[in-house]
Amino acid sequence: MIVRIVKMGICPEHIDTFVKQFMTNKADIRNFKGCDFLELYKDINDPTLYFTYSFWKSESALEHYRKSELFKTIWAKTKPLFNKKPEAWSLNRIETI
């Protein structure tokens, strides 16, 4: 399993649009083959900083999503809302307590 964390800075004037877009697309992302979990977080100190946290069955499942029309469509609408370059990490879980 792959844990994917994406950090996104959103322009203050686009926060409502970003959240609405996520809410509109969350079921399609979560139901994409290979996605087992999806959450959206907002930083408690910086209201423009958001994170997605998702679980993928494998690195190839994540890559299949990233090359899909669904991702391309969502990303094309999301990218103009950023106020800084997004950062992403793909991780292997070592321990759950």
PDB file of N, CA and C in Angstrom:
ATOM      1  N   MET A   1       0.834  -1.185   0.000  1.00  0.00           N
ATOM      2  CA  MET A   1       0.000   0.000   0.000  1.00  0.00           C
ATOM      3  C   MET A   1       0.879   1.248   0.000  1.00  0.00           C
ATOM      4  N   ILE A   2       0.420   2.283  -0.690  1.00  0.00           N
ATOM      5  CA  ILE A   2       1.092   3.576  -0.757  1.00  0.00           C
ATOM      6  C   ILE A   2       0.216   4.607  -0.050  1.00  0.00           C
ATOM      7  N   VAL A   3       0.832   5.400   0.802  1.00  0.00           N
ATOM      8  CA  VAL A   3       0.157   6.554   1.409  1.00  0.00           C
ATOM      9  C   VAL A   3       0.620   7.774   0.632  1.00  0.00           C
ATOM     10  N   ARG A   4      -0.315   8.550   0.155  1.00  0.00           N
ATOM     11  CA  ARG A   4       0.003   9.738  -0.639  1.00  0.00           C
ATOM     12  C   ARG A   4      -0.460  10.971   0.123  1.00  0.00           C
ATOM     13  N   ILE A   5       0.462  11.905   0.346  1.00  0.00           N
ATOM     14  CA  ILE A   5       0.148  13.178   0.990  1.00  0.00           C
ATOM     15  C   ILE A   5       0.497  14.286   0.005  1.00  0.00           C
ATOM     16  N   VAL A   6      -0.460  15.160  -0.245  1.00  0.00           N
ATOM     17  CA  VAL A   6      -0.239  16.286  -1.149  1.00  0.00           C
ATOM     18  C   VAL A   6      -0.538  17.566  -0.375  1.00  0.00           C
ATOM     19  N   LYS A   7       0.424  18.471  -0.365  1.00  0.00           N
ATOM     20  CA  LYS A   7       0.310  19.765   0.318  1.00  0.00           C
ATOM     21  C   LYS A   7       0.046  20.841  -0.733  1.00  0.00           C
ATOM     22  N   MET A   8      -1.021  21.625  -0.525  1.00  0.00           N
ATOM     23  CA  MET A   8      -1.420  22.631  -1.506  1.00  0.00           C
ATOM     24  C   MET A   8      -1.700  23.962  -0.823  1.00  0.00           C
ATOM     25  N   GLY A   9      -1.072  25.015  -1.295  1.00  0.00           N
ATOM     26  CA  GLY A   9      -1.383  26.366  -0.855  1.00  0.00           C
ATOM     27  C   GLY A   9      -2.409  26.947  -1.799  1.00  0.00           C
ATOM     28  N   ILE A  10      -3.519  27.403  -1.262  1.00  0.00           N
ATOM     29  CA  ILE A  10      -4.627  27.913  -2.072  1.00  0.00           C
ATOM     30  C   ILE A  10      -4.727  29.432  -1.893  1.00  0.00           C
ATOM     31  N   CYS A  11      -4.883  30.155  -2.983  1.00  0.00           N
ATOM     32  CA  CYS A  11      -5.098  31.599  -2.902  1.00  0.00           C
ATOM     33  C   CYS A  11      -6.335  31.853  -2.047  1.00  0.00           C
ATOM     34  N   PRO A  12      -6.264  32.802  -1.117  1.00  0.00           N
ATOM     35  CA  PRO A  12      -7.411  33.052  -0.222  1.00  0.00           C
ATOM     36  C   PRO A  12      -8.728  33.265  -0.957  1.00  0.00           C
ATOM     37  N   GLU A  13      -8.681  33.953  -2.073  1.00  0.00           N
ATOM     38  CA  GLU A  13      -9.915  34.236  -2.811  1.00  0.00           C
ATOM     39  C   GLU A  13     -10.473  33.002  -3.535  1.00  0.00           C
ATOM     40  N   HIS A  14      -9.703  31.902  -3.570  1.00  0.00           N
ATOM     41  CA  HIS A  14     -10.143  30.683  -4.259  1.00  0.00           C
ATOM     42  C   HIS A  14     -10.455  29.519  -3.321  1.00  0.00           C
ATOM     43  N   ILE A  15     -10.398  29.752  -2.023  1.00  0.00           N
ATOM     44  CA  ILE A  15     -10.611  28.656  -1.070  1.00  0.00           C
ATOM     45  C   ILE A  15     -11.994  28.023  -1.238  1.00  0.00           C
ATOM     46  N   ASP A  16     -13.037  28.823  -1.330  1.00  0.00           N
ATOM     47  CA  ASP A  16     -14.385  28.261  -1.497  1.00  0.00           C
ATOM     48  C   ASP A  16     -14.482  27.425  -2.756  1.00  0.00           C
ATOM     49  N   THR A  17     -13.895  27.911  -3.838  1.00  0.00           N
ATOM     50  CA  THR A  17     -13.901  27.169  -5.104  1.00  0.00           C
ATOM     51  C   THR A  17     -13.159  25.844  -4.946  1.00  0.00           C
ATOM     52  N   PHE A  18     -11.999  25.885  -4.297  1.00  0.00           N
ATOM     53  CA  PHE A  18     -11.215  24.671  -4.085  1.00  0.00           C
ATOM     54  C   PHE A  18     -12.010  23.632  -3.293  1.00  0.00           C
ATOM     55  N   VAL A  19     -12.604  24.049  -2.188  1.00  0.00           N
ATOM     56  CA  VAL A  19     -13.355  23.113  -1.344  1.00  0.00           C
ATOM     57  C   VAL A  19     -14.555  22.560  -2.110  1.00  0.00           C
ATOM     58  N   LYS A  20     -15.262  23.397  -2.841  1.00  0.00           N
ATOM     59  CA  LYS A  20     -16.407  22.926  -3.639  1.00  0.00           C
ATOM     60  C   LYS A  20     -15.960  21.922  -4.686  1.00  0.00           C
ATOM     61  N   GLN A  21     -14.829  22.193  -5.342  1.00  0.00           N
ATOM     62  CA  GLN A  21     -14.319  21.251  -6.342  1.00  0.00           C
ATOM     63  C   GLN A  21     -13.963  19.917  -5.697  1.00  0.00           C
ATOM     64  N   PHE A  22     -13.328  19.961  -4.533  1.00  0.00           N
ATOM     65  CA  PHE A  22     -12.998  18.715  -3.854  1.00  0.00           C
ATOM     66  C   PHE A  22     -14.272  17.940  -3.522  1.00  0.00           C
ATOM     67  N   MET A  23     -15.258  18.615  -2.964  1.00  0.00           N
ATOM     68  CA  MET A  23     -16.509  17.951  -2.585  1.00  0.00           C
ATOM     69  C   MET A  23     -17.215  17.348  -3.800  1.00  0.00           C
ATOM     70  N   THR A  24     -17.117  18.035  -4.928  1.00  0.00           N
ATOM     71  CA  THR A  24     -17.720  17.534  -6.158  1.00  0.00           C
ATOM     72  C   THR A  24     -17.012  16.282  -6.667  1.00  0.00           C
ATOM     73  N   ASN A  25     -15.698  16.231  -6.509  1.00  0.00           N
ATOM     74  CA  ASN A  25     -14.897  15.149  -7.098  1.00  0.00           C
ATOM     75  C   ASN A  25     -14.492  14.046  -6.139  1.00  0.00           C
ATOM     76  N   LYS A  26     -14.716  14.219  -4.849  1.00  0.00           N
ATOM     77  CA  LYS A  26     -14.191  13.278  -3.858  1.00  0.00           C
ATOM     78  C   LYS A  26     -14.674  11.845  -4.083  1.00  0.00           C
ATOM     79  N   ALA A  27     -15.917  11.646  -4.422  1.00  0.00           N
ATOM     80  CA  ALA A  27     -16.426  10.280  -4.625  1.00  0.00           C
ATOM     81  C   ALA A  27     -15.767   9.631  -5.843  1.00  0.00           C
ATOM     82  N   ASP A  28     -15.575  10.400  -6.905  1.00  0.00           N
ATOM     83  CA  ASP A  28     -14.922   9.843  -8.100  1.00  0.00           C
ATOM     84  C   ASP A  28     -13.479   9.455  -7.810  1.00  0.00           C
ATOM     85  N   ILE A  29     -12.786  10.281  -7.034  1.00  0.00           N
ATOM     86  CA  ILE A  29     -11.397   9.959  -6.676  1.00  0.00           C
ATOM     87  C   ILE A  29     -11.384   8.729  -5.773  1.00  0.00           C
ATOM     88  N   ARG A  30     -12.199   8.748  -4.739  1.00  0.00           N
ATOM     89  CA  ARG A  30     -12.216   7.644  -3.775  1.00  0.00           C
ATOM     90  C   ARG A  30     -12.623   6.326  -4.421  1.00  0.00           C
ATOM     91  N   ASN A  31     -13.513   6.395  -5.416  1.00  0.00           N
ATOM     92  CA  ASN A  31     -13.980   5.180  -6.087  1.00  0.00           C
ATOM     93  C   ASN A  31     -13.105   4.781  -7.277  1.00  0.00           C
ATOM     94  N   PHE A  32     -12.049   5.553  -7.544  1.00  0.00           N
ATOM     95  CA  PHE A  32     -11.139   5.188  -8.622  1.00  0.00           C
ATOM     96  C   PHE A  32     -10.457   3.870  -8.249  1.00  0.00           C
ATOM     97  N   LYS A  33     -10.327   2.991  -9.208  1.00  0.00           N
ATOM     98  CA  LYS A  33      -9.729   1.682  -8.946  1.00  0.00           C
ATOM     99  C   LYS A  33      -8.346   1.845  -8.307  1.00  0.00           C
ATOM    100  N   GLY A  34      -8.177   1.237  -7.144  1.00  0.00           N
ATOM    101  CA  GLY A  34      -6.896   1.282  -6.453  1.00  0.00           C
ATOM    102  C   GLY A  34      -6.848   2.253  -5.296  1.00  0.00           C
ATOM    103  N   CYS A  35      -7.843   3.149  -5.185  1.00  0.00           N
ATOM    104  CA  CYS A  35      -7.886   4.088  -4.059  1.00  0.00           C
ATOM    105  C   CYS A  35      -8.717   3.475  -2.936  1.00  0.00           C
ATOM    106  N   ASP A  36      -8.103   3.375  -1.750  1.00  0.00           N
ATOM    107  CA  ASP A  36      -8.784   2.763  -0.609  1.00  0.00           C
ATOM    108  C   ASP A  36      -9.220   3.763   0.451  1.00  0.00           C
ATOM    109  N   PHE A  37      -8.761   5.016   0.339  1.00  0.00           N
ATOM    110  CA  PHE A  37      -9.028   5.981   1.411  1.00  0.00           C
ATOM    111  C   PHE A  37      -8.706   7.366   0.892  1.00  0.00           C
ATOM    112  N   LEU A  38      -9.481   8.372   1.303  1.00  0.00           N
ATOM    113  CA  LEU A  38      -9.230   9.755   0.891  1.00  0.00           C
ATOM    114  C   LEU A  38      -9.753  10.701   1.963  1.00  0.00           C
ATOM    115  N   GLU A  39      -8.908  11.660   2.356  1.00  0.00           N
ATOM    116  CA  GLU A  39      -9.321  12.711   3.274  1.00  0.00           C
ATOM    117  C   GLU A  39      -8.722  14.038   2.832  1.00  0.00           C
ATOM    118  N   LEU A  40      -9.401  15.114   3.225  1.00  0.00           N
ATOM    119  CA  LEU A  40      -8.919  16.473   3.001  1.00  0.00           C
ATOM    120  C   LEU A  40      -8.723  17.127   4.362  1.00  0.00           C
ATOM    121  N   TYR A  41      -7.571  17.786   4.536  1.00  0.00           N
ATOM    122  CA  TYR A  41      -7.251  18.478   5.781  1.00  0.00           C
ATOM    123  C   TYR A  41      -6.951  19.950   5.502  1.00  0.00           C
ATOM    124  N   LYS A  42      -7.194  20.790   6.528  1.00  0.00           N
ATOM    125  CA  LYS A  42      -6.819  22.198   6.470  1.00  0.00           C
ATOM    126  C   LYS A  42      -5.925  22.491   7.664  1.00  0.00           C
ATOM    127  N   ASP A  43      -4.844  23.202   7.435  1.00  0.00           N
ATOM    128  CA  ASP A  43      -3.910  23.565   8.491  1.00  0.00           C
ATOM    129  C   ASP A  43      -4.613  24.427   9.543  1.00  0.00           C
ATOM    130  N   ILE A  44      -4.325  24.191  10.819  1.00  0.00           N
ATOM    131  CA  ILE A  44      -5.001  24.944  11.884  1.00  0.00           C
ATOM    132  C   ILE A  44      -4.467  26.368  12.045  1.00  0.00           C
ATOM    133  N   ASN A  45      -3.269  26.626  11.529  1.00  0.00           N
ATOM    134  CA  ASN A  45      -2.686  27.966  11.661  1.00  0.00           C
ATOM    135  C   ASN A  45      -2.677  28.768  10.368  1.00  0.00           C
ATOM    136  N   ASP A  46      -2.734  28.098   9.249  1.00  0.00           N
ATOM    137  CA  ASP A  46      -2.701  28.774   7.946  1.00  0.00           C
ATOM    138  C   ASP A  46      -3.936  28.351   7.159  1.00  0.00           C
ATOM    139  N   PRO A  47      -4.955  29.202   7.084  1.00  0.00           N
ATOM    140  CA  PRO A  47      -6.212  28.817   6.429  1.00  0.00           C
ATOM    141  C   PRO A  47      -6.100  28.636   4.915  1.00  0.00           C
ATOM    142  N   THR A  48      -4.934  28.916   4.343  1.00  0.00           N
ATOM    143  CA  THR A  48      -4.755  28.715   2.899  1.00  0.00           C
ATOM    144  C   THR A  48      -4.036  27.406   2.582  1.00  0.00           C
ATOM    145  N   LEU A  49      -3.671  26.647   3.602  1.00  0.00           N
ATOM    146  CA  LEU A  49      -2.882  25.431   3.412  1.00  0.00           C
ATOM    147  C   LEU A  49      -3.761  24.196   3.598  1.00  0.00           C
ATOM    148  N   TYR A  50      -3.838  23.374   2.549  1.00  0.00           N
ATOM    149  CA  TYR A  50      -4.651  22.159   2.545  1.00  0.00           C
ATOM    150  C   TYR A  50      -3.780  20.956   2.205  1.00  0.00           C
ATOM    151  N   PHE A  51      -4.229  19.799   2.670  1.00  0.00           N
ATOM    152  CA  PHE A  51      -3.539  18.542   2.405  1.00  0.00           C
ATOM    153  C   PHE A  51      -4.562  17.489   2.001  1.00  0.00           C
ATOM    154  N   THR A  52      -4.212  16.665   1.037  1.00  0.00           N
ATOM    155  CA  THR A  52      -4.979  15.447   0.808  1.00  0.00           C
ATOM    156  C   THR A  52      -4.145  14.285   1.324  1.00  0.00           C
ATOM    157  N   TYR A  53      -4.838  13.310   1.842  1.00  0.00           N
ATOM    158  CA  TYR A  53      -4.229  12.126   2.427  1.00  0.00           C
ATOM    159  C   TYR A  53      -4.987  10.944   1.830  1.00  0.00           C
ATOM    160  N   SER A  54      -4.298  10.091   1.096  1.00  0.00           N
ATOM    161  CA  SER A  54      -4.979   8.984   0.432  1.00  0.00           C
ATOM    162  C   SER A  54      -4.148   7.713   0.507  1.00  0.00           C
ATOM    163  N   PHE A  55      -4.844   6.581   0.443  1.00  0.00           N
ATOM    164  CA  PHE A  55      -4.208   5.266   0.417  1.00  0.00           C
ATOM    165  C   PHE A  55      -4.459   4.657  -0.951  1.00  0.00           C
ATOM    166  N   TRP A  56      -3.410   4.091  -1.521  1.00  0.00           N
ATOM    167  CA  TRP A  56      -3.483   3.446  -2.829  1.00  0.00           C
ATOM    168  C   TRP A  56      -2.953   2.027  -2.708  1.00  0.00           C
ATOM    169  N   LYS A  57      -3.568   1.117  -3.424  1.00  0.00           N
ATOM    170  CA  LYS A  57      -3.184  -0.296  -3.345  1.00  0.00           C
ATOM    171  C   LYS A  57      -1.719  -0.512  -3.723  1.00  0.00           C
ATOM    172  N   SER A  58      -1.225   0.309  -4.646  1.00  0.00           N
ATOM    173  CA  SER A  58       0.158   0.152  -5.112  1.00  0.00           C
ATOM    174  C   SER A  58       0.602   1.446  -5.794  1.00  0.00           C
ATOM    175  N   GLU A  59       1.882   1.536  -6.033  1.00  0.00           N
ATOM    176  CA  GLU A  59       2.417   2.683  -6.765  1.00  0.00           C
ATOM    177  C   GLU A  59       1.860   2.721  -8.179  1.00  0.00           C
ATOM    178  N   SER A  60       1.677   1.564  -8.787  1.00  0.00           N
ATOM    179  CA  SER A  60       1.122   1.527 -10.147  1.00  0.00           C
ATOM    180  C   SER A  60      -0.339   1.992 -10.158  1.00  0.00           C
ATOM    181  N   ALA A  61      -1.111   1.698  -9.097  1.00  0.00           N
ATOM    182  CA  ALA A  61      -2.495   2.186  -9.019  1.00  0.00           C
ATOM    183  C   ALA A  61      -2.519   3.709  -8.930  1.00  0.00           C
ATOM    184  N   LEU A  62      -1.614   4.269  -8.123  1.00  0.00           N
ATOM    185  CA  LEU A  62      -1.516   5.724  -8.019  1.00  0.00           C
ATOM    186  C   LEU A  62      -1.122   6.330  -9.364  1.00  0.00           C
ATOM    187  N   GLU A  63      -0.160   5.734 -10.035  1.00  0.00           N
ATOM    188  CA  GLU A  63       0.276   6.244 -11.346  1.00  0.00           C
ATOM    189  C   GLU A  63      -0.835   6.136 -12.384  1.00  0.00           C
ATOM    190  N   HIS A  64      -1.606   5.063 -12.323  1.00  0.00           N
ATOM    191  CA  HIS A  64      -2.740   4.912 -13.244  1.00  0.00           C
ATOM    192  C   HIS A  64      -3.729   6.063 -13.038  1.00  0.00           C
ATOM    193  N   TYR A  65      -4.003   6.404 -11.776  1.00  0.00           N
ATOM    194  CA  TYR A  65      -4.874   7.541 -11.485  1.00  0.00           C
ATOM    195  C   TYR A  65      -4.261   8.841 -12.007  1.00  0.00           C
ATOM    196  N   ARG A  66      -2.979   9.061 -11.755  1.00  0.00           N
ATOM    197  CA  ARG A  66      -2.334  10.308 -12.151  1.00  0.00           C
ATOM    198  C   ARG A  66      -2.294  10.487 -13.676  1.00  0.00           C
ATOM    199  N   LYS A  67      -2.402   9.403 -14.424  1.00  0.00           N
ATOM    200  CA  LYS A  67      -2.413   9.467 -15.892  1.00  0.00           C
ATOM    201  C   LYS A  67      -3.833   9.434 -16.455  1.00  0.00           C
ATOM    202  N   SER A  68      -4.829   9.347 -15.586  1.00  0.00           N
ATOM    203  CA  SER A  68      -6.223   9.220 -16.020  1.00  0.00           C
ATOM    204  C   SER A  68      -6.815  10.561 -16.455  1.00  0.00           C
ATOM    205  N   GLU A  69      -7.881  10.480 -17.211  1.00  0.00           N
ATOM    206  CA  GLU A  69      -8.614  11.682 -17.609  1.00  0.00           C
ATOM    207  C   GLU A  69      -9.239  12.353 -16.392  1.00  0.00           C
ATOM    208  N   LEU A  70      -9.662  11.559 -15.416  1.00  0.00           N
ATOM    209  CA  LEU A  70     -10.231  12.131 -14.197  1.00  0.00           C
ATOM    210  C   LEU A  70      -9.219  13.050 -13.521  1.00  0.00           C
ATOM    211  N   PHE A  71      -8.005  12.569 -13.298  1.00  0.00           N
ATOM    212  CA  PHE A  71      -6.981  13.393 -12.661  1.00  0.00           C
ATOM    213  C   PHE A  71      -6.668  14.623 -13.507  1.00  0.00           C
ATOM    214  N   LYS A  72      -6.494  14.431 -14.807  1.00  0.00           N
ATOM    215  CA  LYS A  72      -6.151  15.562 -15.686  1.00  0.00           C
ATOM    216  C   LYS A  72      -7.221  16.642 -15.640  1.00  0.00           C
ATOM    217  N   THR A  73      -8.482  16.234 -15.608  1.00  0.00           N
ATOM    218  CA  THR A  73      -9.583  17.193 -15.556  1.00  0.00           C
ATOM    219  C   THR A  73      -9.597  17.932 -14.213  1.00  0.00           C
ATOM    220  N   ILE A  74      -9.466  17.180 -13.121  1.00  0.00           N
ATOM    221  CA  ILE A  74      -9.467  17.800 -11.793  1.00  0.00           C
ATOM    222  C   ILE A  74      -8.266  18.719 -11.631  1.00  0.00           C
ATOM    223  N   TRP A  75      -7.087  18.254 -12.029  1.00  0.00           N
ATOM    224  CA  TRP A  75      -5.867  19.037 -11.854  1.00  0.00           C
ATOM    225  C   TRP A  75      -5.907  20.322 -12.674  1.00  0.00           C
ATOM    226  N   ALA A  76      -6.463  20.274 -13.862  1.00  0.00           N
ATOM    227  CA  ALA A  76      -6.566  21.474 -14.703  1.00  0.00           C
ATOM    228  C   ALA A  76      -7.414  22.553 -14.033  1.00  0.00           C
ATOM    229  N   LYS A  77      -8.425  22.144 -13.273  1.00  0.00           N
ATOM    230  CA  LYS A  77      -9.279  23.105 -12.572  1.00  0.00           C
ATOM    231  C   LYS A  77      -8.677  23.551 -11.240  1.00  0.00           C
ATOM    232  N   THR A  78      -7.857  22.687 -10.640  1.00  0.00           N
ATOM    233  CA  THR A  78      -7.294  22.973  -9.325  1.00  0.00           C
ATOM    234  C   THR A  78      -6.026  23.801  -9.405  1.00  0.00           C
ATOM    235  N   LYS A  79      -5.183  23.504 -10.352  1.00  0.00           N
ATOM    236  CA  LYS A  79      -3.871  24.148 -10.448  1.00  0.00           C
ATOM    237  C   LYS A  79      -3.936  25.681 -10.450  1.00  0.00           C
ATOM    238  N   PRO A  80      -4.875  26.316 -11.142  1.00  0.00           N
ATOM    239  CA  PRO A  80      -4.934  27.794 -11.133  1.00  0.00           C
ATOM    240  C   PRO A  80      -5.296  28.392  -9.773  1.00  0.00           C
ATOM    241  N   LEU A  81      -5.736  27.566  -8.828  1.00  0.00           N
ATOM    242  CA  LEU A  81      -6.152  28.059  -7.517  1.00  0.00           C
ATOM    243  C   LEU A  81      -4.986  28.166  -6.534  1.00  0.00           C
ATOM    244  N   PHE A  82      -3.828  27.622  -6.902  1.00  0.00           N
ATOM    245  CA  PHE A  82      -2.681  27.576  -5.996  1.00  0.00           C
ATOM    246  C   PHE A  82      -2.013  28.933  -5.827  1.00  0.00           C
ATOM    247  N   ASN A  83      -1.482  29.155  -4.623  1.00  0.00           N
ATOM    248  CA  ASN A  83      -0.661  30.349  -4.390  1.00  0.00           C
ATOM    249  C   ASN A  83       0.812  29.981  -4.220  1.00  0.00           C
ATOM    250  N   LYS A  84       1.109  28.681  -4.305  1.00  0.00           N
ATOM    251  CA  LYS A  84       2.487  28.190  -4.276  1.00  0.00           C
ATOM    252  C   LYS A  84       2.510  26.809  -4.918  1.00  0.00           C
ATOM    253  N   LYS A  85       3.683  26.374  -5.269  1.00  0.00           N
ATOM    254  CA  LYS A  85       3.834  25.075  -5.909  1.00  0.00           C
ATOM    255  C   LYS A  85       3.436  23.963  -4.928  1.00  0.00           C
ATOM    256  N   PRO A  86       2.571  23.036  -5.358  1.00  0.00           N
ATOM    257  CA  PRO A  86       2.195  21.937  -4.472  1.00  0.00           C
ATOM    258  C   PRO A  86       3.373  20.990  -4.238  1.00  0.00           C
ATOM    259  N   GLU A  87       3.315  20.302  -3.116  1.00  0.00           N
ATOM    260  CA  GLU A  87       4.321  19.295  -2.777  1.00  0.00           C
ATOM    261  C   GLU A  87       3.598  17.978  -2.541  1.00  0.00           C
ATOM    262  N   ALA A  88       4.256  16.871  -2.912  1.00  0.00           N
ATOM    263  CA  ALA A  88       3.624  15.561  -2.747  1.00  0.00           C
ATOM    264  C   ALA A  88       4.652  14.538  -2.292  1.00  0.00           C
ATOM    265  N   TRP A  89       4.170  13.614  -1.466  1.00  0.00           N
ATOM    266  CA  TRP A  89       4.997  12.521  -0.975  1.00  0.00           C
ATOM    267  C   TRP A  89       4.234  11.217  -1.135  1.00  0.00           C
ATOM    268  N   SER A  90       4.935  10.185  -1.574  1.00  0.00           N
ATOM    269  CA  SER A  90       4.401   8.821  -1.599  1.00  0.00           C
ATOM    270  C   SER A  90       5.189   8.028  -0.566  1.00  0.00           C
ATOM    271  N   LEU A  91       4.476   7.411   0.370  1.00  0.00           N
ATOM    272  CA  LEU A  91       5.114   6.799   1.530  1.00  0.00           C
ATOM    273  C   LEU A  91       4.665   5.356   1.716  1.00  0.00           C
ATOM    274  N   ASN A  92       5.515   4.569   2.313  1.00  0.00           N
ATOM    275  CA  ASN A  92       5.153   3.238   2.780  1.00  0.00           C
ATOM    276  C   ASN A  92       4.928   3.319   4.280  1.00  0.00           C
ATOM    277  N   ARG A  93       3.808   2.786   4.735  1.00  0.00           N
ATOM    278  CA  ARG A  93       3.523   2.769   6.171  1.00  0.00           C
ATOM    279  C   ARG A  93       4.425   1.738   6.838  1.00  0.00           C
ATOM    280  N   ILE A  94       5.018   2.118   7.940  1.00  0.00           N
ATOM    281  CA  ILE A  94       5.876   1.210   8.688  1.00  0.00           C
ATOM    282  C   ILE A  94       5.141   0.641   9.900  1.00  0.00           C
ATOM    283  N   GLU A  95       4.403   1.494  10.596  1.00  0.00           N
ATOM    284  CA  GLU A  95       3.777   1.050  11.844  1.00  0.00           C
ATOM    285  C   GLU A  95       2.499   1.822  12.093  1.00  0.00           C
ATOM    286  N   THR A  96       1.482   1.141  12.580  1.00  0.00           N
ATOM    287  CA  THR A  96       0.254   1.763  13.058  1.00  0.00           C
ATOM    288  C   THR A  96       0.086   1.360  14.509  1.00  0.00           C
ATOM    289  N   ILE A  97      -0.176   2.313  15.359  1.00  0.00           N
ATOM    290  CA  ILE A  97      -0.303   2.030  16.791  1.00  0.00           C
ATOM    291  C   ILE A  97      -1.718   2.363  17.247  1.00  0.00           C
TER     292      ILE A  97
END
